Amino acid sequence: MLGCGNSKLSEEMWDDGYKNIVNIDYSPVVVEQMRRRHEVFRPEMEWHLMDVRDLQFDDDSFDFAIDKGTMDAMMTTKGDVWNPPEQVILDCNKEVDETLRVLRKSKGIFLYLTFGQPHFRKRYLTRPGTTLEIKQLGEAFHYYLYIIRT
């Protein structure tokens, strides 16, 4: 889970049967709080202090990665959404590059869930050697599931 924060997504996935979950966040406070919150009932769930732009994992280490707000947080800057600041572009591209690096080649999947519309997000998610699928979800307010396959 990329930038897990204090979300219950990992907890709910664990309770649904997904037992090999690695969570990362750049906040030491959040990582420690989540570690303590889950140490009794989910002791095998991993919590790491880490930046999504510099993942400290080997290449080809994971089958699956999920972002449900981390890239969005990096985009929260004042300015023109059509022409974001260079730092936003660098940060978002670095997250995607790092995530694709740690995913297993030919079978890795990167899921990104966001309210961000495709014309604002595709520029960060399209890479040679991958496929990008976009699903529009919701009715009154749409959100998007971006699926990148290595």
N, C-alpha and C. Protein backbone atom coordinates (compact mmCIF):
# COMPACT_ATOMS: atom_id res chain seq x y z
N MET A 1 0.85 -1.16 0.00
CA MET A 1 0.00 0.00 0.00
C MET A 1 0.91 1.23 0.00
N LEU A 2 0.86 1.97 -1.08
CA LEU A 2 1.72 3.14 -1.25
C LEU A 2 1.13 4.35 -0.54
N GLY A 3 1.81 4.85 0.47
CA GLY A 3 1.28 5.97 1.23
C GLY A 3 0.02 5.56 1.96
N CYS A 4 0.14 4.56 2.83
CA CYS A 4 -1.02 3.96 3.49
C CYS A 4 -1.78 4.93 4.38
N GLY A 5 -1.07 5.90 4.97
CA GLY A 5 -1.74 6.79 5.91
C GLY A 5 -2.41 5.99 7.01
N ASN A 6 -3.53 6.49 7.51
CA ASN A 6 -4.26 5.75 8.55
C ASN A 6 -5.54 5.13 7.99
N SER A 7 -5.54 4.87 6.70
CA SER A 7 -6.66 4.25 6.01
C SER A 7 -6.93 2.85 6.55
N LYS A 8 -8.17 2.43 6.45
CA LYS A 8 -8.55 1.07 6.85
C LYS A 8 -8.47 0.08 5.69
N LEU A 9 -8.04 0.52 4.52
CA LEU A 9 -8.02 -0.37 3.36
C LEU A 9 -7.18 -1.62 3.60
N SER A 10 -5.99 -1.47 4.11
CA SER A 10 -5.14 -2.64 4.37
C SER A 10 -5.80 -3.58 5.37
N GLU A 11 -6.36 -3.01 6.42
CA GLU A 11 -7.05 -3.80 7.44
C GLU A 11 -8.21 -4.59 6.84
N GLU A 12 -9.00 -3.92 6.01
CA GLU A 12 -10.14 -4.59 5.40
C GLU A 12 -9.71 -5.64 4.40
N MET A 13 -8.64 -5.37 3.66
CA MET A 13 -8.12 -6.39 2.74
C MET A 13 -7.62 -7.60 3.52
N TRP A 14 -6.91 -7.36 4.61
CA TRP A 14 -6.42 -8.45 5.47
C TRP A 14 -7.59 -9.30 5.95
N ASP A 15 -8.62 -8.64 6.44
CA ASP A 15 -9.78 -9.35 6.97
C ASP A 15 -10.53 -10.11 5.87
N ASP A 16 -10.36 -9.67 4.61
CA ASP A 16 -10.96 -10.37 3.47
C ASP A 16 -10.09 -11.51 2.95
N GLY A 17 -8.92 -11.72 3.56
CA GLY A 17 -8.11 -12.86 3.20
C GLY A 17 -6.78 -12.56 2.53
N TYR A 18 -6.47 -11.31 2.26
CA TYR A 18 -5.19 -10.95 1.65
C TYR A 18 -4.17 -10.77 2.78
N LYS A 19 -3.31 -11.76 2.98
CA LYS A 19 -2.46 -11.79 4.16
C LYS A 19 -1.03 -11.31 3.94
N ASN A 20 -0.65 -11.03 2.72
CA ASN A 20 0.72 -10.58 2.47
C ASN A 20 0.67 -9.10 2.05
N ILE A 21 0.53 -8.23 3.05
CA ILE A 21 0.36 -6.80 2.78
C ILE A 21 1.53 -6.03 3.39
N VAL A 22 2.14 -5.22 2.54
CA VAL A 22 3.25 -4.35 2.96
C VAL A 22 2.77 -2.91 2.78
N ASN A 23 2.83 -2.15 3.86
CA ASN A 23 2.37 -0.76 3.86
C ASN A 23 3.56 0.17 4.02
N ILE A 24 3.53 1.27 3.27
CA ILE A 24 4.58 2.27 3.45
C ILE A 24 3.94 3.65 3.59
N ASP A 25 4.61 4.50 4.34
CA ASP A 25 4.22 5.89 4.46
C ASP A 25 5.45 6.68 4.87
N TYR A 26 5.47 7.96 4.55
CA TYR A 26 6.62 8.78 4.89
C TYR A 26 6.49 9.43 6.27
N SER A 27 5.36 9.24 6.93
CA SER A 27 5.16 9.82 8.26
C SER A 27 5.52 8.80 9.34
N PRO A 28 6.56 9.08 10.14
CA PRO A 28 6.91 8.14 11.21
C PRO A 28 5.79 7.99 12.24
N VAL A 29 5.04 9.06 12.46
CA VAL A 29 3.93 9.00 13.42
C VAL A 29 2.86 8.02 12.93
N VAL A 30 2.48 8.13 11.67
CA VAL A 30 1.46 7.25 11.10
C VAL A 30 1.93 5.80 11.09
N VAL A 31 3.15 5.57 10.66
CA VAL A 31 3.66 4.20 10.59
C VAL A 31 3.64 3.56 11.98
N GLU A 32 4.08 4.28 12.99
CA GLU A 32 4.09 3.73 14.35
C GLU A 32 2.67 3.52 14.88
N GLN A 33 1.79 4.46 14.63
CA GLN A 33 0.39 4.30 15.06
C GLN A 33 -0.25 3.08 14.41
N MET A 34 -0.02 2.90 13.13
CA MET A 34 -0.62 1.76 12.42
C MET A 34 0.01 0.45 12.86
N ARG A 35 1.29 0.46 13.09
CA ARG A 35 1.96 -0.76 13.59
C ARG A 35 1.34 -1.18 14.92
N ARG A 36 1.18 -0.21 15.83
CA ARG A 36 0.59 -0.52 17.15
C ARG A 36 -0.87 -0.94 17.02
N ARG A 37 -1.61 -0.29 16.15
CA ARG A 37 -3.03 -0.61 15.98
C ARG A 37 -3.24 -2.04 15.50
N HIS A 38 -2.30 -2.58 14.74
CA HIS A 38 -2.48 -3.89 14.12
C HIS A 38 -1.60 -5.00 14.71
N GLU A 39 -0.78 -4.68 15.70
CA GLU A 39 0.19 -5.66 16.20
C GLU A 39 -0.44 -6.90 16.82
N VAL A 40 -1.64 -6.81 17.35
CA VAL A 40 -2.26 -7.96 17.99
C VAL A 40 -3.01 -8.84 16.99
N PHE A 41 -3.88 -8.23 16.19
CA PHE A 41 -4.74 -9.02 15.30
C PHE A 41 -4.17 -9.23 13.90
N ARG A 42 -3.20 -8.44 13.51
CA ARG A 42 -2.58 -8.57 12.19
C ARG A 42 -1.07 -8.41 12.32
N PRO A 43 -0.44 -9.25 13.14
CA PRO A 43 0.99 -9.04 13.42
C PRO A 43 1.91 -9.24 12.22
N GLU A 44 1.48 -9.98 11.21
CA GLU A 44 2.33 -10.22 10.05
C GLU A 44 2.26 -9.09 9.03
N MET A 45 1.28 -8.19 9.18
CA MET A 45 1.19 -7.07 8.26
C MET A 45 2.40 -6.16 8.50
N GLU A 46 3.05 -5.75 7.40
CA GLU A 46 4.28 -4.96 7.52
C GLU A 46 4.00 -3.47 7.38
N TRP A 47 4.79 -2.69 8.13
CA TRP A 47 4.70 -1.22 8.11
C TRP A 47 6.10 -0.68 7.98
N HIS A 48 6.34 0.13 6.93
CA HIS A 48 7.67 0.68 6.68
C HIS A 48 7.62 2.19 6.51
N LEU A 49 8.58 2.85 7.12
CA LEU A 49 8.78 4.28 6.92
C LEU A 49 9.53 4.44 5.60
N MET A 50 8.86 5.02 4.59
CA MET A 50 9.47 5.06 3.26
C MET A 50 8.75 6.09 2.40
N ASP A 51 9.46 6.62 1.44
CA ASP A 51 8.94 7.58 0.48
C ASP A 51 8.63 6.85 -0.83
N VAL A 52 7.45 7.06 -1.39
CA VAL A 52 7.07 6.38 -2.64
C VAL A 52 7.97 6.75 -3.80
N ARG A 53 8.70 7.85 -3.67
CA ARG A 53 9.61 8.27 -4.74
C ARG A 53 10.97 7.61 -4.63
N ASP A 54 11.18 6.83 -3.57
CA ASP A 54 12.46 6.16 -3.35
C ASP A 54 12.20 4.87 -2.58
N LEU A 55 11.59 3.90 -3.24
CA LEU A 55 11.22 2.64 -2.59
C LEU A 55 12.46 1.81 -2.27
N GLN A 56 12.56 1.37 -1.05
CA GLN A 56 13.71 0.60 -0.59
C GLN A 56 13.45 -0.90 -0.70
N PHE A 57 12.98 -1.32 -1.84
CA PHE A 57 12.72 -2.73 -2.13
C PHE A 57 13.48 -3.11 -3.39
N ASP A 58 13.79 -4.38 -3.51
CA ASP A 58 14.46 -4.88 -4.71
C ASP A 58 13.54 -4.80 -5.92
N ASP A 59 14.14 -4.76 -7.10
CA ASP A 59 13.38 -4.86 -8.33
C ASP A 59 12.57 -6.17 -8.32
N ASP A 60 11.43 -6.15 -8.99
CA ASP A 60 10.61 -7.36 -9.17
C ASP A 60 10.23 -8.02 -7.84
N SER A 61 9.87 -7.24 -6.84
CA SER A 61 9.57 -7.77 -5.50
C SER A 61 8.08 -8.02 -5.24
N PHE A 62 7.21 -7.36 -5.98
CA PHE A 62 5.79 -7.40 -5.67
C PHE A 62 4.95 -7.74 -6.89
N ASP A 63 3.81 -8.37 -6.62
CA ASP A 63 2.83 -8.66 -7.67
C ASP A 63 1.87 -7.50 -7.88
N PHE A 64 1.64 -6.74 -6.82
CA PHE A 64 0.54 -5.79 -6.79
C PHE A 64 0.93 -4.56 -5.98
N ALA A 65 0.52 -3.38 -6.41
CA ALA A 65 0.71 -2.15 -5.64
C ALA A 65 -0.55 -1.30 -5.76
N ILE A 66 -0.90 -0.63 -4.68
CA ILE A 66 -2.12 0.19 -4.65
C ILE A 66 -1.78 1.60 -4.16
N ASP A 67 -2.32 2.58 -4.87
CA ASP A 67 -2.27 3.98 -4.45
C ASP A 67 -3.70 4.48 -4.44
N LYS A 68 -4.16 4.93 -3.28
CA LYS A 68 -5.51 5.50 -3.22
C LYS A 68 -5.50 6.90 -2.62
N GLY A 69 -4.57 7.68 -3.06
CA GLY A 69 -4.55 9.07 -2.62
C GLY A 69 -3.17 9.69 -2.49
N THR A 70 -2.14 8.87 -2.57
CA THR A 70 -0.79 9.40 -2.40
C THR A 70 -0.39 10.33 -3.54
N MET A 71 -0.61 9.89 -4.77
CA MET A 71 -0.27 10.75 -5.89
C MET A 71 -1.13 12.02 -5.86
N ASP A 72 -2.38 11.87 -5.47
CA ASP A 72 -3.26 13.02 -5.36
C ASP A 72 -2.69 14.04 -4.36
N ALA A 73 -2.18 13.54 -3.25
CA ALA A 73 -1.60 14.44 -2.24
C ALA A 73 -0.39 15.18 -2.80
N MET A 74 0.39 14.52 -3.63
CA MET A 74 1.55 15.19 -4.22
C MET A 74 1.14 16.26 -5.22
N MET A 75 -0.10 16.17 -5.70
CA MET A 75 -0.59 17.14 -6.68
C MET A 75 -1.28 18.34 -6.05
N THR A 76 -1.41 18.34 -4.74
CA THR A 76 -2.11 19.45 -4.08
C THR A 76 -1.19 20.65 -3.94
N THR A 77 -1.12 21.39 -4.98
CA THR A 77 -0.31 22.60 -5.01
C THR A 77 -1.10 23.67 -5.74
N LYS A 78 -0.84 24.89 -5.40
CA LYS A 78 -1.52 25.96 -6.13
C LYS A 78 -0.94 26.05 -7.53
N GLY A 79 -1.77 26.42 -8.43
CA GLY A 79 -1.30 26.55 -9.80
C GLY A 79 -2.30 25.99 -10.78
N ASP A 80 -1.91 25.96 -11.99
CA ASP A 80 -2.73 25.53 -13.11
C ASP A 80 -2.71 24.01 -13.21
N VAL A 81 -3.90 23.36 -13.07
CA VAL A 81 -3.95 21.90 -13.16
C VAL A 81 -3.60 21.40 -14.56
N TRP A 82 -3.74 22.27 -15.55
CA TRP A 82 -3.39 21.89 -16.92
C TRP A 82 -1.89 21.98 -17.16
N ASN A 83 -1.22 22.76 -16.33
CA ASN A 83 0.22 22.94 -16.46
C ASN A 83 0.85 22.95 -15.07
N PRO A 84 0.95 21.76 -14.44
CA PRO A 84 1.42 21.70 -13.06
C PRO A 84 2.89 22.09 -12.92
N PRO A 85 3.27 22.50 -11.72
CA PRO A 85 4.68 22.83 -11.48
C PRO A 85 5.60 21.64 -11.77
N GLU A 86 6.81 21.93 -12.15
CA GLU A 86 7.78 20.89 -12.50
C GLU A 86 7.97 19.89 -11.36
N GLN A 87 7.96 20.35 -10.10
CA GLN A 87 8.16 19.44 -8.98
C GLN A 87 7.04 18.40 -8.89
N VAL A 88 5.82 18.80 -9.16
CA VAL A 88 4.69 17.86 -9.16
C VAL A 88 4.90 16.80 -10.23
N ILE A 89 5.30 17.23 -11.41
CA ILE A 89 5.54 16.29 -12.51
C ILE A 89 6.65 15.31 -12.13
N LEU A 90 7.74 15.82 -11.58
CA LEU A 90 8.86 14.95 -11.17
C LEU A 90 8.44 13.97 -10.09
N ASP A 91 7.72 14.46 -9.07
CA ASP A 91 7.30 13.59 -7.97
C ASP A 91 6.37 12.48 -8.44
N CYS A 92 5.39 12.82 -9.25
CA CYS A 92 4.43 11.82 -9.73
C CYS A 92 5.10 10.80 -10.64
N ASN A 93 5.94 11.27 -11.52
CA ASN A 93 6.66 10.33 -12.39
C ASN A 93 7.58 9.42 -11.59
N LYS A 94 8.22 9.96 -10.57
CA LYS A 94 9.12 9.15 -9.75
C LYS A 94 8.34 8.07 -9.00
N GLU A 95 7.17 8.41 -8.47
CA GLU A 95 6.35 7.39 -7.81
C GLU A 95 6.02 6.25 -8.77
N VAL A 96 5.57 6.60 -9.96
CA VAL A 96 5.20 5.57 -10.93
C VAL A 96 6.42 4.76 -11.34
N ASP A 97 7.53 5.42 -11.62
CA ASP A 97 8.75 4.70 -12.00
C ASP A 97 9.20 3.73 -10.91
N GLU A 98 9.19 4.19 -9.68
CA GLU A 98 9.61 3.34 -8.56
C GLU A 98 8.65 2.16 -8.37
N THR A 99 7.36 2.44 -8.50
CA THR A 99 6.36 1.38 -8.34
C THR A 99 6.54 0.32 -9.43
N LEU A 100 6.70 0.75 -10.66
CA LEU A 100 6.88 -0.21 -11.76
C LEU A 100 8.19 -0.99 -11.60
N ARG A 101 9.20 -0.35 -11.04
CA ARG A 101 10.48 -1.03 -10.82
C ARG A 101 10.33 -2.20 -9.85
N VAL A 102 9.54 -2.02 -8.79
CA VAL A 102 9.43 -3.08 -7.78
C VAL A 102 8.37 -4.13 -8.13
N LEU A 103 7.56 -3.86 -9.16
CA LEU A 103 6.57 -4.86 -9.58
C LEU A 103 7.23 -5.93 -10.44
N ARG A 104 6.73 -7.15 -10.33
CA ARG A 104 7.24 -8.26 -11.14
C ARG A 104 6.90 -8.01 -12.60
N LYS A 105 7.89 -8.20 -13.44
CA LYS A 105 7.71 -7.97 -14.88
C LYS A 105 6.76 -9.02 -15.45
N SER A 106 5.95 -8.61 -16.37
CA SER A 106 5.00 -9.44 -17.10
C SER A 106 3.81 -9.89 -16.27
N LYS A 107 3.76 -9.55 -14.98
CA LYS A 107 2.58 -9.93 -14.20
C LYS A 107 2.25 -8.97 -13.07
N GLY A 108 2.96 -7.86 -12.97
CA GLY A 108 2.69 -6.89 -11.93
C GLY A 108 1.51 -5.99 -12.27
N ILE A 109 0.78 -5.59 -11.25
CA ILE A 109 -0.37 -4.72 -11.43
C ILE A 109 -0.28 -3.56 -10.44
N PHE A 110 -0.42 -2.35 -10.96
CA PHE A 110 -0.44 -1.14 -10.16
C PHE A 110 -1.84 -0.56 -10.27
N LEU A 111 -2.56 -0.50 -9.13
CA LEU A 111 -3.89 0.10 -9.09
C LEU A 111 -3.80 1.49 -8.48
N TYR A 112 -4.43 2.43 -9.13
CA TYR A 112 -4.46 3.80 -8.65
C TYR A 112 -5.91 4.25 -8.67
N LEU A 113 -6.46 4.55 -7.49
CA LEU A 113 -7.85 4.96 -7.34
C LEU A 113 -7.89 6.44 -6.98
N THR A 114 -8.66 7.22 -7.75
CA THR A 114 -8.64 8.67 -7.59
C THR A 114 -9.88 9.31 -8.19
N PHE A 115 -10.15 10.53 -7.78
CA PHE A 115 -11.15 11.33 -8.47
C PHE A 115 -10.53 12.03 -9.68
N GLY A 116 -9.22 11.94 -9.83
CA GLY A 116 -8.51 12.62 -10.92
C GLY A 116 -8.90 12.08 -12.28
N GLN A 117 -9.35 12.96 -13.13
CA GLN A 117 -9.81 12.59 -14.46
C GLN A 117 -8.65 12.20 -15.36
N PRO A 118 -8.92 11.32 -16.33
CA PRO A 118 -7.86 10.80 -17.20
C PRO A 118 -7.00 11.87 -17.88
N HIS A 119 -7.60 12.98 -18.30
CA HIS A 119 -6.79 13.98 -18.99
C HIS A 119 -5.77 14.63 -18.06
N PHE A 120 -5.94 14.48 -16.73
CA PHE A 120 -4.95 15.00 -15.79
C PHE A 120 -3.97 13.92 -15.31
N ARG A 121 -4.31 12.65 -15.47
CA ARG A 121 -3.51 11.58 -14.88
C ARG A 121 -2.72 10.73 -15.88
N LYS A 122 -3.24 10.56 -17.09
CA LYS A 122 -2.59 9.66 -18.05
C LYS A 122 -1.13 10.00 -18.30
N ARG A 123 -0.79 11.27 -18.27
CA ARG A 123 0.59 11.70 -18.54
C ARG A 123 1.57 11.07 -17.56
N TYR A 124 1.11 10.76 -16.34
CA TYR A 124 1.99 10.17 -15.33
C TYR A 124 1.99 8.65 -15.37
N LEU A 125 0.97 8.06 -15.93
CA LEU A 125 0.76 6.61 -15.82
C LEU A 125 1.12 5.82 -17.07
N THR A 126 1.32 6.48 -18.18
CA THR A 126 1.63 5.79 -19.43
C THR A 126 3.14 5.56 -19.53
N ARG A 127 3.53 4.30 -19.71
CA ARG A 127 4.94 3.93 -19.83
C ARG A 127 5.11 2.87 -20.91
N PRO A 128 6.24 2.89 -21.62
CA PRO A 128 6.52 1.83 -22.58
C PRO A 128 6.57 0.47 -21.86
N GLY A 129 6.08 -0.54 -22.52
CA GLY A 129 6.12 -1.89 -21.95
C GLY A 129 5.04 -2.17 -20.93
N THR A 130 4.10 -1.22 -20.76
CA THR A 130 2.97 -1.44 -19.85
C THR A 130 1.68 -1.18 -20.59
N THR A 131 0.59 -1.65 -20.01
CA THR A 131 -0.73 -1.31 -20.54
C THR A 131 -1.48 -0.55 -19.47
N LEU A 132 -2.27 0.41 -19.89
CA LEU A 132 -3.06 1.23 -18.98
C LEU A 132 -4.53 1.06 -19.31
N GLU A 133 -5.29 0.63 -18.34
CA GLU A 133 -6.74 0.50 -18.46
C GLU A 133 -7.36 1.48 -17.48
N ILE A 134 -8.41 2.17 -17.90
CA ILE A 134 -9.07 3.15 -17.05
C ILE A 134 -10.54 2.78 -16.93
N LYS A 135 -11.00 2.68 -15.68
CA LYS A 135 -12.42 2.39 -15.43
C LYS A 135 -13.03 3.57 -14.70
N GLN A 136 -14.13 4.07 -15.22
CA GLN A 136 -14.87 5.14 -14.57
C GLN A 136 -15.88 4.49 -13.64
N LEU A 137 -15.90 4.91 -12.39
CA LEU A 137 -16.77 4.33 -11.38
C LEU A 137 -17.65 5.43 -10.78
N GLY A 138 -18.73 5.01 -10.15
CA GLY A 138 -19.61 5.97 -9.50
C GLY A 138 -20.66 6.50 -10.45
N GLU A 139 -21.63 7.21 -9.87
CA GLU A 139 -22.73 7.73 -10.68
C GLU A 139 -22.76 9.25 -10.68
N ALA A 140 -23.13 9.87 -9.59
CA ALA A 140 -23.21 11.34 -9.57
C ALA A 140 -21.82 11.96 -9.60
N PHE A 141 -20.93 11.41 -8.79
CA PHE A 141 -19.54 11.86 -8.76
C PHE A 141 -18.68 10.71 -9.24
N HIS A 142 -17.98 10.92 -10.32
CA HIS A 142 -17.16 9.85 -10.87
C HIS A 142 -15.80 9.81 -10.21
N TYR A 143 -15.31 8.62 -10.04
CA TYR A 143 -13.92 8.42 -9.68
C TYR A 143 -13.37 7.39 -10.64
N TYR A 144 -12.06 7.21 -10.61
CA TYR A 144 -11.41 6.44 -11.66
C TYR A 144 -10.46 5.41 -11.05
N LEU A 145 -10.48 4.25 -11.65
CA LEU A 145 -9.53 3.20 -11.29
C LEU A 145 -8.61 3.02 -12.48
N TYR A 146 -7.34 3.35 -12.26
CA TYR A 146 -6.32 3.19 -13.29
C TYR A 146 -5.60 1.88 -13.00
N ILE A 147 -5.51 1.02 -13.99
CA ILE A 147 -4.86 -0.28 -13.85
C ILE A 147 -3.69 -0.33 -14.81
N ILE A 148 -2.50 -0.37 -14.24
CA ILE A 148 -1.28 -0.45 -15.06
C ILE A 148 -0.74 -1.86 -14.92
N ARG A 149 -0.55 -2.53 -16.04
CA ARG A 149 -0.01 -3.89 -16.05
C ARG A 149 1.39 -3.87 -16.66
N THR A 150 2.31 -4.54 -15.97
CA THR A 150 3.69 -4.58 -16.48
C THR A 150 3.83 -5.65 -17.54
